[in-house]
Amino acid sequence: MKKLVSSIFIGLLLIQMTVISVSAAKKEEIKIPSSVLNITKENTYPNPTQDLPTLQPSELTEELISSSKVKIENPDLIRMLNETNVNSTPFAFGYRAVIYLGQWPLSYESTETSANWEYQKINTNYYDNRGGKANYQIHYVQEAQKVVKGGLTAKVPQAEDVKKMMLLEAAKNSNLPLAFETVVGAGTKKDQYYNIPPKRLGYLYGFVPAVSEKGKVTYGEVYLMLKGNKKMIVVKNVTSQGIGAWIPVQDYISFGFVATERPR
């Protein structure tokens, strides 16, 4: 009997350690490789900051959100509730009203955040040193302006609301500057030199990296219920849907250098 209890205890301990390990791995910050450089200062196109501030709910909104049995995180829904004003009256006994606020994406739960450092190639710098007798140094110069866009991997209702929630979560998980659209201006340069040996051709490739964000979005029909002096949110017809998105990393370039004997 003691062996059975001991085995069960060890099994539960291993399960708990596995859960802790998985949770810690998910929260681990994405590390930027040495081949990826920040071009914020060098970029000839000034990208607008895409930081989405976390909207603070008002006292009434906080009360309404806490009354809901379904988690509510949608910034636009919180903003609408912040603009809501419900006056209480001492003569509200027996008063009852139900107000339909519409169907909303209520929250987004992230399951995976990862980086693709070569999401989209935007530039190639090239030099032929096959006739040279010494190393030739090449560095990055953006030849043409490039616009790199991300997006959702599937069509979902109220996609813009979903994108905002996914952007907030992906930025928090990755600790990277993210935007669904980023621009690298023509003439952008970086003084990071690469040596092309004699009798070789050199290719310096530039890529815009992006974050792959995957998770689950929850939808529901939202009702504001007033009953006497009580105010609450009721959510009906709750559904969940898996969703993914590619979100470019703003003002970062991933470089790949190749020195070869033959043209590529």
C-alpha atoms as a PDB file:
ATOM      1  CA  MET A   1       0.000   0.000   0.000  1.00  0.00           C
ATOM      2  CA  LYS A   2       2.880   2.362   0.904  1.00  0.00           C
ATOM      3  CA  LYS A   3       4.501   1.663  -2.484  1.00  0.00           C
ATOM      4  CA  LEU A   4       1.223   2.511  -4.261  1.00  0.00           C
ATOM      5  CA  VAL A   5       0.848   5.807  -2.370  1.00  0.00           C
ATOM      6  CA  SER A   6       4.498   6.635  -3.037  1.00  0.00           C
ATOM      7  CA  SER A   7       4.077   5.922  -6.763  1.00  0.00           C
ATOM      8  CA  ILE A   8       0.973   8.123  -6.971  1.00  0.00           C
ATOM      9  CA  PHE A   9       2.780  10.953  -5.129  1.00  0.00           C
ATOM     10  CA  ILE A  10       5.783  10.762  -7.455  1.00  0.00           C
ATOM     11  CA  GLY A  11       3.483  10.694 -10.498  1.00  0.00           C
ATOM     12  CA  LEU A  12       1.604  13.811  -9.347  1.00  0.00           C
ATOM     13  CA  LEU A  13       4.910  15.566  -8.610  1.00  0.00           C
ATOM     14  CA  LEU A  14       6.212  14.808 -12.113  1.00  0.00           C
ATOM     15  CA  ILE A  15       2.987  16.111 -13.687  1.00  0.00           C
ATOM     16  CA  GLN A  16       3.244  19.341 -11.658  1.00  0.00           C
ATOM     17  CA  MET A  17       6.897  19.809 -12.652  1.00  0.00           C
ATOM     18  CA  THR A  18       5.976  19.269 -16.329  1.00  0.00           C
ATOM     19  CA  VAL A  19       3.202  21.886 -16.149  1.00  0.00           C
ATOM     20  CA  ILE A  20       5.602  24.385 -14.522  1.00  0.00           C
ATOM     21  CA  SER A  21       8.251  23.644 -17.157  1.00  0.00           C
ATOM     22  CA  VAL A  22       5.812  24.134 -20.065  1.00  0.00           C
ATOM     23  CA  SER A  23       4.501  27.374 -18.538  1.00  0.00           C
ATOM     24  CA  ALA A  24       8.032  28.715 -18.082  1.00  0.00           C
ATOM     25  CA  ALA A  25       8.975  27.780 -21.665  1.00  0.00           C
ATOM     26  CA  LYS A  26       5.974  29.650 -23.028  1.00  0.00           C
ATOM     27  CA  LYS A  27       6.922  32.843 -21.165  1.00  0.00           C
ATOM     28  CA  GLU A  28      10.571  32.689 -22.207  1.00  0.00           C
ATOM     29  CA  GLU A  29      11.579  35.800 -24.117  1.00  0.00           C
ATOM     30  CA  ILE A  30      12.474  35.412 -27.783  1.00  0.00           C
ATOM     31  CA  LYS A  31      16.208  35.970 -28.241  1.00  0.00           C
ATOM     32  CA  ILE A  32      17.355  38.122 -31.171  1.00  0.00           C
ATOM     33  CA  PRO A  33      20.149  36.459 -33.216  1.00  0.00           C
ATOM     34  CA  SER A  34      23.374  38.372 -33.868  1.00  0.00           C
ATOM     35  CA  SER A  35      22.480  38.474 -37.593  1.00  0.00           C
ATOM     36  CA  VAL A  36      19.421  40.634 -36.825  1.00  0.00           C
ATOM     37  CA  LEU A  37      20.103  44.368 -36.441  1.00  0.00           C
ATOM     38  CA  ASN A  38      18.033  47.354 -35.380  1.00  0.00           C
ATOM     39  CA  ILE A  39      17.672  50.004 -38.122  1.00  0.00           C
ATOM     40  CA  THR A  40      15.429  52.491 -36.293  1.00  0.00           C
ATOM     41  CA  LYS A  41      17.978  55.318 -36.605  1.00  0.00           C
ATOM     42  CA  GLU A  42      19.085  54.410 -40.134  1.00  0.00           C
ATOM     43  CA  ASN A  43      15.640  53.800 -41.655  1.00  0.00           C
ATOM     44  CA  THR A  44      14.859  56.580 -44.135  1.00  0.00           C
ATOM     45  CA  TYR A  45      11.147  55.890 -43.647  1.00  0.00           C
ATOM     46  CA  PRO A  46       9.971  56.802 -40.111  1.00  0.00           C
ATOM     47  CA  ASN A  47       7.540  54.085 -39.080  1.00  0.00           C
ATOM     48  CA  PRO A  48       4.795  55.211 -36.698  1.00  0.00           C
ATOM     49  CA  THR A  49       4.941  53.636 -33.254  1.00  0.00           C
ATOM     50  CA  GLN A  50       2.448  50.786 -32.954  1.00  0.00           C
ATOM     51  CA  ASP A  51       2.414  50.562 -29.153  1.00  0.00           C
ATOM     52  CA  LEU A  52      -1.178  49.857 -28.143  1.00  0.00           C
ATOM     53  CA  PRO A  53      -1.716  51.145 -24.606  1.00  0.00           C
ATOM     54  CA  THR A  54      -3.696  48.872 -22.307  1.00  0.00           C
ATOM     55  CA  LEU A  55      -7.011  50.682 -21.837  1.00  0.00           C
ATOM     56  CA  GLN A  56      -7.867  51.125 -18.167  1.00  0.00           C
ATOM     57  CA  PRO A  57     -11.522  50.335 -17.389  1.00  0.00           C
ATOM     58  CA  SER A  58     -13.525  52.888 -15.431  1.00  0.00           C
ATOM     59  CA  GLU A  59     -15.000  51.984 -12.034  1.00  0.00           C
ATOM     60  CA  LEU A  60     -18.359  51.142 -13.635  1.00  0.00           C
ATOM     61  CA  THR A  61     -16.689  49.161 -16.420  1.00  0.00           C
ATOM     62  CA  GLU A  62     -14.620  47.232 -13.858  1.00  0.00           C
ATOM     63  CA  GLU A  63     -17.825  46.390 -12.005  1.00  0.00           C
ATOM     64  CA  LEU A  64     -19.541  45.250 -15.209  1.00  0.00           C
ATOM     65  CA  ILE A  65     -16.575  43.155 -16.409  1.00  0.00           C
ATOM     66  CA  SER A  66     -16.233  41.429 -13.040  1.00  0.00           C
ATOM     67  CA  SER A  67     -19.932  40.507 -13.171  1.00  0.00           C
ATOM     68  CA  SER A  68     -19.442  38.564 -16.413  1.00  0.00           C
ATOM     69  CA  LYS A  69     -18.755  34.829 -16.252  1.00  0.00           C
ATOM     70  CA  VAL A  70     -16.764  35.130 -19.510  1.00  0.00           C
ATOM     71  CA  LYS A  71     -13.430  36.977 -19.651  1.00  0.00           C
ATOM     72  CA  ILE A  72     -13.627  40.350 -21.428  1.00  0.00           C
ATOM     73  CA  GLU A  73     -10.390  41.903 -22.748  1.00  0.00           C
ATOM     74  CA  ASN A  74     -11.386  43.558 -26.037  1.00  0.00           C
ATOM     75  CA  PRO A  75     -10.085  47.179 -25.845  1.00  0.00           C
ATOM     76  CA  ASP A  76     -12.869  48.502 -28.091  1.00  0.00           C
ATOM     77  CA  LEU A  77     -15.586  46.889 -25.960  1.00  0.00           C
ATOM     78  CA  ILE A  78     -13.929  48.251 -22.804  1.00  0.00           C
ATOM     79  CA  ARG A  79     -13.782  51.703 -24.420  1.00  0.00           C
ATOM     80  CA  MET A  80     -17.521  51.533 -25.199  1.00  0.00           C
ATOM     81  CA  LEU A  81     -18.326  50.463 -21.641  1.00  0.00           C
ATOM     82  CA  ASN A  82     -16.166  53.333 -20.343  1.00  0.00           C
ATOM     83  CA  GLU A  83     -18.429  55.717 -22.231  1.00  0.00           C
ATOM     84  CA  THR A  84     -21.536  54.135 -20.706  1.00  0.00           C
ATOM     85  CA  ASN A  85     -23.293  56.016 -17.914  1.00  0.00           C
ATOM     86  CA  VAL A  86     -25.984  54.284 -15.870  1.00  0.00           C
ATOM     87  CA  ASN A  87     -27.634  56.409 -13.177  1.00  0.00           C
ATOM     88  CA  SER A  88     -29.005  54.632 -10.123  1.00  0.00           C
ATOM     89  CA  THR A  89     -32.247  55.750  -8.496  1.00  0.00           C
ATOM     90  CA  PRO A  90     -33.642  54.952  -5.041  1.00  0.00           C
ATOM     91  CA  PHE A  91     -37.008  54.157  -6.680  1.00  0.00           C
ATOM     92  CA  ALA A  92     -35.640  51.384  -8.940  1.00  0.00           C
ATOM     93  CA  PHE A  93     -37.456  48.561  -7.147  1.00  0.00           C
ATOM     94  CA  GLY A  94     -38.895  46.222  -9.768  1.00  0.00           C
ATOM     95  CA  TYR A  95     -37.061  47.995 -12.602  1.00  0.00           C
ATOM     96  CA  ARG A  96     -35.602  45.646 -15.205  1.00  0.00           C
ATOM     97  CA  ALA A  97     -33.995  46.254 -18.595  1.00  0.00           C
ATOM     98  CA  VAL A  98     -31.835  44.207 -20.964  1.00  0.00           C
ATOM     99  CA  ILE A  99     -29.767  46.053 -23.571  1.00  0.00           C
ATOM    100  CA  TYR A 100     -28.133  44.130 -26.419  1.00  0.00           C
ATOM    101  CA  LEU A 101     -24.633  45.466 -27.093  1.00  0.00           C
ATOM    102  CA  GLY A 102     -23.888  43.192 -30.058  1.00  0.00           C
ATOM    103  CA  GLN A 103     -21.665  40.217 -30.807  1.00  0.00           C
ATOM    104  CA  TRP A 104     -18.025  40.795 -29.883  1.00  0.00           C
ATOM    105  CA  PRO A 105     -14.669  39.068 -29.883  1.00  0.00           C
ATOM    106  CA  LEU A 106     -14.255  39.091 -26.108  1.00  0.00           C
ATOM    107  CA  SER A 107     -10.747  37.829 -25.469  1.00  0.00           C
ATOM    108  CA  TYR A 108      -7.712  36.201 -27.018  1.00  0.00           C
ATOM    109  CA  GLU A 109      -5.640  33.450 -25.405  1.00  0.00           C
ATOM    110  CA  SER A 110      -2.137  32.860 -26.777  1.00  0.00           C
ATOM    111  CA  THR A 111      -0.833  29.307 -27.117  1.00  0.00           C
ATOM    112  CA  GLU A 112       2.380  29.924 -29.097  1.00  0.00           C
ATOM    113  CA  THR A 113       4.587  32.889 -29.994  1.00  0.00           C
ATOM    114  CA  SER A 114       7.605  32.251 -32.219  1.00  0.00           C
ATOM    115  CA  ALA A 115       9.825  34.213 -34.605  1.00  0.00           C
ATOM    116  CA  ASN A 116      10.672  33.746 -38.282  1.00  0.00           C
ATOM    117  CA  TRP A 117      13.782  35.865 -38.790  1.00  0.00           C
ATOM    118  CA  GLU A 118      13.580  35.531 -42.595  1.00  0.00           C
ATOM    119  CA  TYR A 119       9.877  36.233 -43.051  1.00  0.00           C
ATOM    120  CA  GLN A 120      10.219  38.285 -46.249  1.00  0.00           C
ATOM    121  CA  LYS A 121      13.270  39.129 -48.339  1.00  0.00           C
ATOM    122  CA  ILE A 122      13.401  42.839 -49.137  1.00  0.00           C
ATOM    123  CA  ASN A 123      16.876  43.462 -50.546  1.00  0.00           C
ATOM    124  CA  THR A 124      19.968  41.934 -52.177  1.00  0.00           C
ATOM    125  CA  ASN A 125      23.358  43.670 -52.317  1.00  0.00           C
ATOM    126  CA  TYR A 126      25.831  42.061 -54.721  1.00  0.00           C
ATOM    127  CA  TYR A 127      29.478  42.373 -55.742  1.00  0.00           C
ATOM    128  CA  ASP A 128      31.618  40.307 -58.137  1.00  0.00           C
ATOM    129  CA  ASN A 129      35.119  39.913 -56.692  1.00  0.00           C
ATOM    130  CA  ARG A 130      36.220  37.068 -58.961  1.00  0.00           C
ATOM    131  CA  GLY A 131      38.800  39.338 -60.577  1.00  0.00           C
ATOM    132  CA  GLY A 132      40.023  40.815 -57.301  1.00  0.00           C
ATOM    133  CA  LYS A 133      43.244  40.046 -55.456  1.00  0.00           C
ATOM    134  CA  ALA A 134      42.091  41.072 -51.964  1.00  0.00           C
ATOM    135  CA  ASN A 135      38.949  40.924 -49.856  1.00  0.00           C
ATOM    136  CA  TYR A 136      36.187  43.342 -50.858  1.00  0.00           C
ATOM    137  CA  GLN A 137      33.957  44.729 -48.136  1.00  0.00           C
ATOM    138  CA  ILE A 138      30.242  44.939 -48.760  1.00  0.00           C
ATOM    139  CA  HIS A 139      27.553  46.474 -46.556  1.00  0.00           C
ATOM    140  CA  TYR A 140      23.780  46.810 -46.594  1.00  0.00           C
ATOM    141  CA  VAL A 141      22.122  49.517 -48.713  1.00  0.00           C
ATOM    142  CA  GLN A 142      18.377  49.299 -49.315  1.00  0.00           C
ATOM    143  CA  GLU A 143      17.855  49.681 -53.065  1.00  0.00           C
ATOM    144  CA  ALA A 144      14.092  50.298 -53.090  1.00  0.00           C
ATOM    145  CA  GLN A 145      11.418  51.111 -50.537  1.00  0.00           C
ATOM    146  CA  LYS A 146       9.668  47.966 -49.308  1.00  0.00           C
ATOM    147  CA  VAL A 147       6.353  47.603 -47.514  1.00  0.00           C
ATOM    148  CA  VAL A 148       5.960  44.378 -45.538  1.00  0.00           C
ATOM    149  CA  LYS A 149       2.499  43.392 -44.332  1.00  0.00           C
ATOM    150  CA  GLY A 150       1.321  40.721 -41.951  1.00  0.00           C
ATOM    151  CA  GLY A 151      -2.202  39.538 -41.264  1.00  0.00           C
ATOM    152  CA  LEU A 152      -4.461  36.857 -39.887  1.00  0.00           C
ATOM    153  CA  THR A 153      -4.115  33.341 -41.241  1.00  0.00           C
ATOM    154  CA  ALA A 154      -7.897  32.887 -41.538  1.00  0.00           C
ATOM    155  CA  LYS A 155     -11.016  35.000 -41.954  1.00  0.00           C
ATOM    156  CA  VAL A 156     -12.783  35.744 -38.692  1.00  0.00           C
ATOM    157  CA  PRO A 157     -15.607  38.116 -37.712  1.00  0.00           C
ATOM    158  CA  GLN A 158     -14.487  41.593 -36.589  1.00  0.00           C
ATOM    159  CA  ALA A 159     -10.923  40.913 -37.681  1.00  0.00           C
ATOM    160  CA  GLU A 160      -9.597  44.356 -36.655  1.00  0.00           C
ATOM    161  CA  ASP A 161     -10.582  43.790 -33.018  1.00  0.00           C
ATOM    162  CA  VAL A 162      -8.946  40.357 -33.096  1.00  0.00           C
ATOM    163  CA  LYS A 163      -5.753  41.794 -34.608  1.00  0.00           C
ATOM    164  CA  LYS A 164      -5.502  44.393 -31.818  1.00  0.00           C
ATOM    165  CA  MET A 165      -5.780  41.743 -29.110  1.00  0.00           C
ATOM    166  CA  MET A 166      -3.279  39.451 -30.863  1.00  0.00           C
ATOM    167  CA  LEU A 167      -0.832  42.334 -31.364  1.00  0.00           C
ATOM    168  CA  LEU A 168      -0.969  43.213 -27.662  1.00  0.00           C
ATOM    169  CA  GLU A 169      -0.387  39.598 -26.629  1.00  0.00           C
ATOM    170  CA  ALA A 170       2.381  38.941 -29.180  1.00  0.00           C
ATOM    171  CA  ALA A 171       4.248  42.135 -28.209  1.00  0.00           C
ATOM    172  CA  LYS A 172       4.046  41.170 -24.536  1.00  0.00           C
ATOM    173  CA  ASN A 173       5.220  37.594 -25.185  1.00  0.00           C
ATOM    174  CA  SER A 174       8.056  38.480 -27.579  1.00  0.00           C
ATOM    175  CA  ASN A 175       9.177  41.850 -26.178  1.00  0.00           C
ATOM    176  CA  LEU A 176       9.670  42.988 -29.788  1.00  0.00           C
ATOM    177  CA  PRO A 177       8.332  46.112 -31.603  1.00  0.00           C
ATOM    178  CA  LEU A 178       5.532  44.656 -33.738  1.00  0.00           C
ATOM    179  CA  ALA A 179       3.174  46.088 -36.356  1.00  0.00           C
ATOM    180  CA  PHE A 180       0.945  44.540 -39.001  1.00  0.00           C
ATOM    181  CA  GLU A 181       2.666  46.805 -41.521  1.00  0.00           C
ATOM    182  CA  THR A 182       6.239  48.076 -41.566  1.00  0.00           C
ATOM    183  CA  VAL A 183       8.217  50.014 -44.170  1.00  0.00           C
ATOM    184  CA  VAL A 184      11.944  50.042 -44.960  1.00  0.00           C
ATOM    185  CA  GLY A 185      12.872  53.180 -46.884  1.00  0.00           C
ATOM    186  CA  ALA A 186      15.100  53.333 -49.961  1.00  0.00           C
ATOM    187  CA  GLY A 187      18.675  54.302 -49.153  1.00  0.00           C
ATOM    188  CA  THR A 188      18.615  52.842 -45.655  1.00  0.00           C
ATOM    189  CA  LYS A 189      22.176  51.770 -44.763  1.00  0.00           C
ATOM    190  CA  LYS A 190      23.916  49.801 -42.046  1.00  0.00           C
ATOM    191  CA  ASP A 191      27.668  49.957 -41.421  1.00  0.00           C
ATOM    192  CA  GLN A 192      28.071  46.245 -40.839  1.00  0.00           C
ATOM    193  CA  TYR A 193      30.709  44.993 -43.291  1.00  0.00           C
ATOM    194  CA  TYR A 194      31.075  41.533 -44.828  1.00  0.00           C
ATOM    195  CA  ASN A 195      34.256  40.332 -46.583  1.00  0.00           C
ATOM    196  CA  ILE A 196      34.102  38.849 -50.092  1.00  0.00           C
ATOM    197  CA  PRO A 197      37.299  36.829 -50.754  1.00  0.00           C
ATOM    198  CA  PRO A 198      39.044  36.960 -54.146  1.00  0.00           C
ATOM    199  CA  LYS A 199      37.580  34.750 -56.888  1.00  0.00           C
ATOM    200  CA  ARG A 200      34.182  34.878 -55.214  1.00  0.00           C
ATOM    201  CA  LEU A 201      30.830  36.585 -55.698  1.00  0.00           C
ATOM    202  CA  GLY A 202      29.230  38.082 -52.608  1.00  0.00           C
ATOM    203  CA  TYR A 203      25.515  38.262 -51.862  1.00  0.00           C
ATOM    204  CA  LEU A 204      24.115  40.123 -48.855  1.00  0.00           C
ATOM    205  CA  TYR A 205      20.432  39.417 -48.327  1.00  0.00           C
ATOM    206  CA  GLY A 206      18.105  41.494 -46.160  1.00  0.00           C
ATOM    207  CA  PHE A 207      14.938  40.090 -44.598  1.00  0.00           C
ATOM    208  CA  VAL A 208      12.192  41.585 -42.476  1.00  0.00           C
ATOM    209  CA  PRO A 209      11.493  39.222 -39.562  1.00  0.00           C
ATOM    210  CA  ALA A 210       8.024  38.494 -38.216  1.00  0.00           C
ATOM    211  CA  VAL A 211       6.382  36.852 -35.238  1.00  0.00           C
ATOM    212  CA  SER A 212       3.996  33.941 -35.644  1.00  0.00           C
ATOM    213  CA  GLU A 213       1.229  34.288 -33.078  1.00  0.00           C
ATOM    214  CA  LYS A 214      -1.222  31.410 -32.508  1.00  0.00           C
ATOM    215  CA  GLY A 215      -4.080  31.058 -30.090  1.00  0.00           C
ATOM    216  CA  LYS A 216      -7.808  31.085 -29.497  1.00  0.00           C
ATOM    217  CA  VAL A 217     -10.321  33.925 -29.778  1.00  0.00           C
ATOM    218  CA  THR A 218     -13.598  33.818 -27.850  1.00  0.00           C
ATOM    219  CA  TYR A 219     -16.800  35.397 -29.185  1.00  0.00           C
ATOM    220  CA  GLY A 220     -20.107  36.084 -27.491  1.00  0.00           C
ATOM    221  CA  GLU A 221     -23.319  38.106 -27.574  1.00  0.00           C
ATOM    222  CA  VAL A 222     -23.047  40.821 -24.930  1.00  0.00           C
ATOM    223  CA  TYR A 223     -26.027  42.116 -22.949  1.00  0.00           C
ATOM    224  CA  LEU A 224     -26.156  44.890 -20.355  1.00  0.00           C
ATOM    225  CA  MET A 225     -28.697  43.861 -17.722  1.00  0.00           C
ATOM    226  CA  LEU A 226     -30.213  46.363 -15.289  1.00  0.00           C
ATOM    227  CA  LYS A 227     -32.212  44.884 -12.439  1.00  0.00           C
ATOM    228  CA  GLY A 228     -33.235  47.288  -9.729  1.00  0.00           C
ATOM    229  CA  ASN A 229     -30.013  48.965  -8.614  1.00  0.00           C
ATOM    230  CA  LYS A 230     -27.884  46.104  -9.930  1.00  0.00           C
ATOM    231  CA  LYS A 231     -25.920  46.365 -13.161  1.00  0.00           C
ATOM    232  CA  MET A 232     -24.260  43.378 -14.836  1.00  0.00           C
ATOM    233  CA  ILE A 233     -22.942  41.981 -18.098  1.00  0.00           C
ATOM    234  CA  VAL A 234     -24.428  38.759 -19.439  1.00  0.00           C
ATOM    235  CA  VAL A 235     -22.728  36.940 -22.318  1.00  0.00           C
ATOM    236  CA  LYS A 236     -24.690  34.414 -24.371  1.00  0.00           C
ATOM    237  CA  ASN A 237     -23.901  32.039 -27.253  1.00  0.00           C
ATOM    238  CA  VAL A 238     -20.197  31.848 -26.443  1.00  0.00           C
ATOM    239  CA  THR A 239     -17.981  30.303 -29.142  1.00  0.00           C
ATOM    240  CA  SER A 240     -14.226  29.856 -29.527  1.00  0.00           C
ATOM    241  CA  GLN A 241     -12.112  29.669 -32.663  1.00  0.00           C
ATOM    242  CA  GLY A 242      -8.451  28.928 -33.297  1.00  0.00           C
ATOM    243  CA  ILE A 243      -6.569  31.707 -35.072  1.00  0.00           C
ATOM    244  CA  GLY A 244      -3.053  32.585 -36.165  1.00  0.00           C
ATOM    245  CA  ALA A 245      -1.321  35.713 -37.405  1.00  0.00           C
ATOM    246  CA  TRP A 246       1.954  36.883 -38.902  1.00  0.00           C
ATOM    247  CA  ILE A 247       3.086  40.178 -37.378  1.00  0.00           C
ATOM    248  CA  PRO A 248       6.234  41.857 -38.812  1.00  0.00           C
ATOM    249  CA  VAL A 249       8.949  43.107 -36.473  1.00  0.00           C
ATOM    250  CA  GLN A 250       9.280  46.836 -36.983  1.00  0.00           C
ATOM    251  CA  ASP A 251      12.650  48.430 -37.853  1.00  0.00           C
ATOM    252  CA  TYR A 252      14.706  45.237 -37.677  1.00  0.00           C
ATOM    253  CA  ILE A 253      16.563  43.548 -40.545  1.00  0.00           C
ATOM    254  CA  SER A 254      17.895  39.992 -40.617  1.00  0.00           C
ATOM    255  CA  PHE A 255      21.024  39.651 -42.746  1.00  0.00           C
ATOM    256  CA  GLY A 256      22.296  36.628 -44.625  1.00  0.00           C
ATOM    257  CA  PHE A 257      25.696  36.695 -46.365  1.00  0.00           C
ATOM    258  CA  VAL A 258      26.954  34.205 -48.959  1.00  0.00           C
ATOM    259  CA  ALA A 259      30.318  34.159 -50.796  1.00  0.00           C
ATOM    260  CA  THR A 260      30.266  31.739 -53.713  1.00  0.00           C
ATOM    261  CA  GLU A 261      32.248  30.839 -56.824  1.00  0.00           C
ATOM    262  CA  ARG A 262      29.141  30.666 -59.021  1.00  0.00           C
ATOM    263  CA  PRO A 263      26.319  33.138 -59.596  1.00  0.00           C
ATOM    264  CA  ARG A 264      23.142  32.469 -57.664  1.00  0.00           C
END
